[in-house]
Amino acid sequence: MNFGQWVEYKLEKMGKSQAWLIKRANLSEGSIQRWTKGQQPRLDTVLIVCKSIARYEGVPVHRIVKQAIQDNPIIWR
């Protein structure tokens, strides 16, 4: 699973759309699609996405970052 696929999985689980995350994390419209195709986001962008998800889920951001690392070890290379 790459980062884009993980983001899509999280959004589906949360019942949220890509548009919701794009607005919350101030992303460009094609960001998630590019990630799904294998482009790696910058680390600061990964953290912004994780922070947005954590805030919605009401959990500490480190918990979401840990999930991202476990599910997407390639993002930390």
C-alpha atoms as a PDB file:
ATOM      1  CA  MET A   1       0.000   0.000   0.000  1.00  0.00           C
ATOM      2  CA  ASN A   2       1.433   3.387  -0.920  1.00  0.00           C
ATOM      3  CA  PHE A   3       0.664   6.649   0.855  1.00  0.00           C
ATOM      4  CA  GLY A   4      -2.122   7.631  -1.553  1.00  0.00           C
ATOM      5  CA  GLN A   5      -3.854   4.296  -1.113  1.00  0.00           C
ATOM      6  CA  TRP A   6      -3.502   4.625   2.655  1.00  0.00           C
ATOM      7  CA  VAL A   7      -5.054   8.116   2.545  1.00  0.00           C
ATOM      8  CA  GLU A   8      -7.956   6.818   0.454  1.00  0.00           C
ATOM      9  CA  TYR A   9      -8.436   3.947   2.913  1.00  0.00           C
ATOM     10  CA  LYS A  10      -8.454   6.328   5.880  1.00  0.00           C
ATOM     11  CA  LEU A  11     -10.895   8.697   4.162  1.00  0.00           C
ATOM     12  CA  GLU A  12     -13.260   5.846   3.333  1.00  0.00           C
ATOM     13  CA  LYS A  13     -13.083   4.577   6.909  1.00  0.00           C
ATOM     14  CA  MET A  14     -13.824   8.096   8.187  1.00  0.00           C
ATOM     15  CA  GLY A  15     -16.655   8.641   5.696  1.00  0.00           C
ATOM     16  CA  LYS A  16     -14.880  11.666   4.238  1.00  0.00           C
ATOM     17  CA  SER A  17     -14.081  12.652   0.667  1.00  0.00           C
ATOM     18  CA  GLN A  18     -10.838  13.650  -0.988  1.00  0.00           C
ATOM     19  CA  ALA A  19     -12.310  17.159  -1.273  1.00  0.00           C
ATOM     20  CA  TRP A  20     -12.638  17.280   2.512  1.00  0.00           C
ATOM     21  CA  LEU A  21      -8.954  16.447   3.008  1.00  0.00           C
ATOM     22  CA  ILE A  22      -7.833  18.758   0.201  1.00  0.00           C
ATOM     23  CA  LYS A  23      -9.585  21.633   1.960  1.00  0.00           C
ATOM     24  CA  ARG A  24      -8.468  20.680   5.484  1.00  0.00           C
ATOM     25  CA  ALA A  25      -4.822  20.113   4.552  1.00  0.00           C
ATOM     26  CA  ASN A  26      -4.636  22.861   1.908  1.00  0.00           C
ATOM     27  CA  LEU A  27      -3.605  20.398  -0.821  1.00  0.00           C
ATOM     28  CA  SER A  28      -3.746  20.777  -4.578  1.00  0.00           C
ATOM     29  CA  GLU A  29      -6.637  19.014  -6.301  1.00  0.00           C
ATOM     30  CA  GLY A  30      -4.505  16.273  -7.876  1.00  0.00           C
ATOM     31  CA  SER A  31      -2.362  15.485  -4.838  1.00  0.00           C
ATOM     32  CA  ILE A  32      -4.071  12.332  -3.658  1.00  0.00           C
ATOM     33  CA  GLN A  33      -4.362  10.934  -7.201  1.00  0.00           C
ATOM     34  CA  ARG A  34      -0.618  11.466  -7.770  1.00  0.00           C
ATOM     35  CA  TRP A  35       0.177   9.739  -4.477  1.00  0.00           C
ATOM     36  CA  THR A  36      -2.072   6.823  -5.403  1.00  0.00           C
ATOM     37  CA  LYS A  37      -0.071   6.432  -8.625  1.00  0.00           C
ATOM     38  CA  GLY A  38       3.146   6.204  -6.594  1.00  0.00           C
ATOM     39  CA  GLN A  39       4.447   9.754  -6.243  1.00  0.00           C
ATOM     40  CA  GLN A  40       5.727  10.305  -2.736  1.00  0.00           C
ATOM     41  CA  PRO A  41       4.612  13.468  -0.933  1.00  0.00           C
ATOM     42  CA  ARG A  42       7.065  15.634   0.954  1.00  0.00           C
ATOM     43  CA  LEU A  43       7.431  14.792   4.629  1.00  0.00           C
ATOM     44  CA  ASP A  44       5.862  18.079   5.727  1.00  0.00           C
ATOM     45  CA  THR A  45       2.818  17.237   3.591  1.00  0.00           C
ATOM     46  CA  VAL A  46       2.582  13.772   5.151  1.00  0.00           C
ATOM     47  CA  LEU A  47       2.571  15.394   8.588  1.00  0.00           C
ATOM     48  CA  ILE A  48      -0.125  17.907   7.591  1.00  0.00           C
ATOM     49  CA  VAL A  49      -2.312  15.075   6.273  1.00  0.00           C
ATOM     50  CA  CYS A  50      -1.739  13.046   9.451  1.00  0.00           C
ATOM     51  CA  LYS A  51      -2.565  16.062  11.594  1.00  0.00           C
ATOM     52  CA  SER A  52      -5.842  16.623   9.715  1.00  0.00           C
ATOM     53  CA  ILE A  53      -6.841  12.975  10.139  1.00  0.00           C
ATOM     54  CA  ALA A  54      -5.849  12.943  13.812  1.00  0.00           C
ATOM     55  CA  ARG A  55      -7.828  16.095  14.522  1.00  0.00           C
ATOM     56  CA  TYR A  56     -10.939  14.597  12.922  1.00  0.00           C
ATOM     57  CA  GLU A  57     -10.544  11.282  14.754  1.00  0.00           C
ATOM     58  CA  GLY A  58      -9.801  13.036  18.043  1.00  0.00           C
ATOM     59  CA  VAL A  59      -6.569  11.151  18.607  1.00  0.00           C
ATOM     60  CA  PRO A  60      -2.975  12.320  19.109  1.00  0.00           C
ATOM     61  CA  VAL A  61      -1.176  12.996  15.855  1.00  0.00           C
ATOM     62  CA  HIS A  62       1.622  10.586  16.769  1.00  0.00           C
ATOM     63  CA  ARG A  63      -0.882   7.713  16.612  1.00  0.00           C
ATOM     64  CA  ILE A  64      -1.768   8.550  12.987  1.00  0.00           C
ATOM     65  CA  VAL A  65       1.891   9.090  12.078  1.00  0.00           C
ATOM     66  CA  LYS A  66       2.665   5.662  13.538  1.00  0.00           C
ATOM     67  CA  GLN A  67      -0.092   4.110  11.395  1.00  0.00           C
ATOM     68  CA  ALA A  68       1.291   5.857   8.313  1.00  0.00           C
ATOM     69  CA  ILE A  69       4.791   4.547   9.046  1.00  0.00           C
ATOM     70  CA  GLN A  70       3.615   0.993   9.657  1.00  0.00           C
ATOM     71  CA  ASP A  71       1.436   0.895   6.546  1.00  0.00           C
ATOM     72  CA  ASN A  72       3.816   2.873   4.280  1.00  0.00           C
ATOM     73  CA  PRO A  73       7.442   2.307   5.258  1.00  0.00           C
ATOM     74  CA  ILE A  74       8.562   3.623   1.857  1.00  0.00           C
ATOM     75  CA  ILE A  75       7.534   7.199   2.783  1.00  0.00           C
ATOM     76  CA  TRP A  76      10.362   7.329   5.294  1.00  0.00           C
ATOM     77  CA  ARG A  77      13.174   6.361   2.899  1.00  0.00           C
END
